Amino acid sequence: MDKVQHFEIPVDDIARAMKFYEASFDWKTMEFPMPSGRYVGLHTGPVDEKNMWKEPGFINGGMFERSAKFPVTGPTVAMTVADIEATLKKVQVAGGTVMMPTQKIADMGLYAYVKDTEGNVIGVWQNLKEMK
């Protein structure tokens, strides 16, 4: 069974959104270098020096500036899958659509966006290295 790996929130102003989420929920923020633009990690619980969870029961997320290159216009979740290409095929057979083809994110993983039969955009993530 595939599990929710993280959530994402598209924003218009990253600095303003960082201040909002830090002040409202005490979340920690951390910028990650991405080839596609600014991406800010949202830590919703305690993490170690490798940004991995120190306790169960929460997921972390991220935010990025809205743009035409991303099909996400509202908050979304991302699922971790064992084989991203096989999952994209399953999505299409089930009536969904691939909104953004697979992209490599540094040496961490592969990522794509799909749209379900109800019009919701969902992220699909495959780890390239074991996350501990």
C-alpha atoms as a PDB file:
ATOM      1  CA  MET A   1       0.000   0.000   0.000  1.00  0.00           C
ATOM      2  CA  ASP A   2       1.390   3.412  -0.997  1.00  0.00           C
ATOM      3  CA  LYS A   3       1.562   5.996   1.802  1.00  0.00           C
ATOM      4  CA  VAL A   4       1.378   9.773   1.968  1.00  0.00           C
ATOM      5  CA  GLN A   5       4.964  11.024   1.960  1.00  0.00           C
ATOM      6  CA  HIS A   6       4.552  14.802   2.194  1.00  0.00           C
ATOM      7  CA  PHE A   7       2.266  17.716   1.390  1.00  0.00           C
ATOM      8  CA  GLU A   8       2.877  20.769  -0.776  1.00  0.00           C
ATOM      9  CA  ILE A   9       1.478  24.274  -0.698  1.00  0.00           C
ATOM     10  CA  PRO A  10       1.866  26.605  -3.688  1.00  0.00           C
ATOM     11  CA  VAL A  11       2.263  30.258  -2.678  1.00  0.00           C
ATOM     12  CA  ASP A  12       2.496  33.665  -4.321  1.00  0.00           C
ATOM     13  CA  ASP A  13       5.155  35.097  -1.972  1.00  0.00           C
ATOM     14  CA  ILE A  14       7.538  32.624  -0.314  1.00  0.00           C
ATOM     15  CA  ALA A  15       8.891  35.074   2.280  1.00  0.00           C
ATOM     16  CA  ARG A  16       5.392  36.079   3.348  1.00  0.00           C
ATOM     17  CA  ALA A  17       4.212  32.443   3.458  1.00  0.00           C
ATOM     18  CA  MET A  18       7.262  31.376   5.500  1.00  0.00           C
ATOM     19  CA  LYS A  19       6.457  34.039   8.104  1.00  0.00           C
ATOM     20  CA  PHE A  20       2.799  32.942   8.166  1.00  0.00           C
ATOM     21  CA  TYR A  21       3.450  29.233   8.721  1.00  0.00           C
ATOM     22  CA  GLU A  22       6.256  29.852  11.224  1.00  0.00           C
ATOM     23  CA  ALA A  23       4.089  32.279  13.246  1.00  0.00           C
ATOM     24  CA  SER A  24       0.810  30.377  12.955  1.00  0.00           C
ATOM     25  CA  PHE A  25       1.926  26.793  13.551  1.00  0.00           C
ATOM     26  CA  ASP A  26       5.522  27.064  14.829  1.00  0.00           C
ATOM     27  CA  TRP A  27       6.701  25.131  11.772  1.00  0.00           C
ATOM     28  CA  LYS A  28      10.374  25.346  10.863  1.00  0.00           C
ATOM     29  CA  THR A  29      11.292  26.265   7.294  1.00  0.00           C
ATOM     30  CA  MET A  30      14.345  25.322   5.272  1.00  0.00           C
ATOM     31  CA  GLU A  31      15.211  26.275   1.701  1.00  0.00           C
ATOM     32  CA  PHE A  32      16.208  23.460  -0.630  1.00  0.00           C
ATOM     33  CA  PRO A  33      18.070  24.165  -3.877  1.00  0.00           C
ATOM     34  CA  MET A  34      15.982  22.946  -6.811  1.00  0.00           C
ATOM     35  CA  PRO A  35      16.639  23.281 -10.524  1.00  0.00           C
ATOM     36  CA  SER A  36      13.032  24.365 -11.071  1.00  0.00           C
ATOM     37  CA  GLY A  37      13.072  27.287  -8.617  1.00  0.00           C
ATOM     38  CA  ARG A  38      12.803  28.015  -4.892  1.00  0.00           C
ATOM     39  CA  TYR A  39      11.449  25.216  -2.721  1.00  0.00           C
ATOM     40  CA  VAL A  40      11.023  25.581   1.034  1.00  0.00           C
ATOM     41  CA  GLY A  41      10.717  22.561   3.278  1.00  0.00           C
ATOM     42  CA  LEU A  42       8.108  22.742   6.040  1.00  0.00           C
ATOM     43  CA  HIS A  43       9.021  20.839   9.200  1.00  0.00           C
ATOM     44  CA  THR A  44       5.863  20.127  11.173  1.00  0.00           C
ATOM     45  CA  GLY A  45       7.666  18.125  13.860  1.00  0.00           C
ATOM     46  CA  PRO A  46      11.170  17.450  15.134  1.00  0.00           C
ATOM     47  CA  VAL A  47      13.762  16.264  12.606  1.00  0.00           C
ATOM     48  CA  ASP A  48      17.365  15.121  12.872  1.00  0.00           C
ATOM     49  CA  GLU A  49      20.411  16.541  11.081  1.00  0.00           C
ATOM     50  CA  LYS A  50      19.376  14.643   7.914  1.00  0.00           C
ATOM     51  CA  ASN A  51      15.875  16.190   8.020  1.00  0.00           C
ATOM     52  CA  MET A  52      14.349  12.829   8.950  1.00  0.00           C
ATOM     53  CA  TRP A  53      11.580  12.475  11.535  1.00  0.00           C
ATOM     54  CA  LYS A  54      12.589  12.029  15.174  1.00  0.00           C
ATOM     55  CA  GLU A  55       9.138  10.747  16.168  1.00  0.00           C
ATOM     56  CA  PRO A  56       6.167   9.106  14.402  1.00  0.00           C
ATOM     57  CA  GLY A  57       2.817  10.726  13.764  1.00  0.00           C
ATOM     58  CA  PHE A  58       3.423  13.611  11.389  1.00  0.00           C
ATOM     59  CA  ILE A  59       4.479  14.344   7.835  1.00  0.00           C
ATOM     60  CA  ASN A  60       6.554  17.236   6.616  1.00  0.00           C
ATOM     61  CA  GLY A  61       5.830  19.303   3.573  1.00  0.00           C
ATOM     62  CA  GLY A  62       7.087  21.973   1.276  1.00  0.00           C
ATOM     63  CA  MET A  63       6.052  25.084  -0.580  1.00  0.00           C
ATOM     64  CA  PHE A  64       6.981  26.708  -3.844  1.00  0.00           C
ATOM     65  CA  GLU A  65       5.959  29.739  -5.849  1.00  0.00           C
ATOM     66  CA  ARG A  66       2.983  29.223  -8.139  1.00  0.00           C
ATOM     67  CA  SER A  67       3.979  29.184 -11.781  1.00  0.00           C
ATOM     68  CA  ALA A  68       2.928  27.810 -15.134  1.00  0.00           C
ATOM     69  CA  LYS A  69       5.565  25.055 -14.891  1.00  0.00           C
ATOM     70  CA  PHE A  70       3.734  23.331 -12.006  1.00  0.00           C
ATOM     71  CA  PRO A  71       0.197  21.988 -12.371  1.00  0.00           C
ATOM     72  CA  VAL A  72      -0.496  22.509  -8.653  1.00  0.00           C
ATOM     73  CA  THR A  73      -2.664  25.512  -7.753  1.00  0.00           C
ATOM     74  CA  GLY A  74      -3.770  24.446  -4.258  1.00  0.00           C
ATOM     75  CA  PRO A  75      -2.473  22.260  -1.415  1.00  0.00           C
ATOM     76  CA  THR A  76      -1.758  18.667  -2.403  1.00  0.00           C
ATOM     77  CA  VAL A  77      -0.328  15.447  -0.987  1.00  0.00           C
ATOM     78  CA  ALA A  78       2.359  13.209  -2.446  1.00  0.00           C
ATOM     79  CA  MET A  79       2.460   9.419  -2.267  1.00  0.00           C
ATOM     80  CA  THR A  80       5.619   7.331  -1.980  1.00  0.00           C
ATOM     81  CA  VAL A  81       5.649   4.492  -4.501  1.00  0.00           C
ATOM     82  CA  ALA A  82       8.096   1.692  -5.249  1.00  0.00           C
ATOM     83  CA  ASP A  83       8.071   2.218  -9.038  1.00  0.00           C
ATOM     84  CA  ILE A  84       6.992   5.619 -10.318  1.00  0.00           C
ATOM     85  CA  GLU A  85       6.670   4.625 -13.983  1.00  0.00           C
ATOM     86  CA  ALA A  86       4.504   1.603 -13.123  1.00  0.00           C
ATOM     87  CA  THR A  87       2.351   3.841 -10.921  1.00  0.00           C
ATOM     88  CA  LEU A  88       1.918   6.434 -13.687  1.00  0.00           C
ATOM     89  CA  LYS A  89       0.688   3.654 -15.985  1.00  0.00           C
ATOM     90  CA  LYS A  90      -1.742   2.432 -13.292  1.00  0.00           C
ATOM     91  CA  VAL A  91      -3.049   5.998 -12.863  1.00  0.00           C
ATOM     92  CA  GLN A  92      -3.748   6.268 -16.596  1.00  0.00           C
ATOM     93  CA  VAL A  93      -5.457   2.847 -16.755  1.00  0.00           C
ATOM     94  CA  ALA A  94      -7.636   3.890 -13.800  1.00  0.00           C
ATOM     95  CA  GLY A  95      -8.768   7.032 -15.660  1.00  0.00           C
ATOM     96  CA  GLY A  96      -6.262   9.579 -14.334  1.00  0.00           C
ATOM     97  CA  THR A  97      -3.885  11.847 -16.226  1.00  0.00           C
ATOM     98  CA  VAL A  98      -0.154  12.501 -15.896  1.00  0.00           C
ATOM     99  CA  MET A  99       0.114  16.270 -15.355  1.00  0.00           C
ATOM    100  CA  MET A 100       3.922  16.509 -15.064  1.00  0.00           C
ATOM    101  CA  PRO A 101       6.161  13.664 -16.254  1.00  0.00           C
ATOM    102  CA  THR A 102       8.795  12.141 -13.998  1.00  0.00           C
ATOM    103  CA  GLN A 103      11.605  14.474 -12.973  1.00  0.00           C
ATOM    104  CA  LYS A 104      14.714  13.648 -10.974  1.00  0.00           C
ATOM    105  CA  ILE A 105      15.104  15.682  -7.772  1.00  0.00           C
ATOM    106  CA  ALA A 106      18.836  15.803  -7.007  1.00  0.00           C
ATOM    107  CA  ASP A 107      19.955  12.329  -5.902  1.00  0.00           C
ATOM    108  CA  MET A 108      16.950  11.961  -3.590  1.00  0.00           C
ATOM    109  CA  GLY A 109      14.111  10.760  -5.792  1.00  0.00           C
ATOM    110  CA  LEU A 110      11.852  10.883  -8.809  1.00  0.00           C
ATOM    111  CA  TYR A 111       8.723  13.028  -8.817  1.00  0.00           C
ATOM    112  CA  ALA A 112       5.639  13.472 -11.003  1.00  0.00           C
ATOM    113  CA  TYR A 113       2.158  14.966 -10.703  1.00  0.00           C
ATOM    114  CA  VAL A 114      -1.036  13.177 -11.683  1.00  0.00           C
ATOM    115  CA  LYS A 115      -4.676  14.213 -11.796  1.00  0.00           C
ATOM    116  CA  ASP A 116      -7.260  11.794 -10.408  1.00  0.00           C
ATOM    117  CA  THR A 117     -10.708  11.183 -11.910  1.00  0.00           C
ATOM    118  CA  GLU A 118     -12.137  13.961  -9.699  1.00  0.00           C
ATOM    119  CA  GLY A 119      -9.757  16.694 -10.877  1.00  0.00           C
ATOM    120  CA  ASN A 120      -7.391  16.601  -7.864  1.00  0.00           C
ATOM    121  CA  VAL A 121      -3.644  16.877  -8.495  1.00  0.00           C
ATOM    122  CA  ILE A 122      -1.524  14.448  -6.479  1.00  0.00           C
ATOM    123  CA  GLY A 123       2.264  14.090  -6.277  1.00  0.00           C
ATOM    124  CA  VAL A 124       3.955  10.743  -6.857  1.00  0.00           C
ATOM    125  CA  TRP A 125       7.406  10.196  -5.317  1.00  0.00           C
ATOM    126  CA  GLN A 126       9.924   7.349  -5.664  1.00  0.00           C
ATOM    127  CA  ASN A 127      12.977   7.323  -3.397  1.00  0.00           C
ATOM    128  CA  LEU A 128      16.317   6.853  -5.139  1.00  0.00           C
ATOM    129  CA  LYS A 129      18.111   6.118  -1.893  1.00  0.00           C
ATOM    130  CA  GLU A 130      16.931   4.609   1.330  1.00  0.00           C
ATOM    131  CA  MET A 131      15.520   7.200   3.701  1.00  0.00           C
ATOM    132  CA  LYS A 132      16.296   6.414   7.338  1.00  0.00           C
END
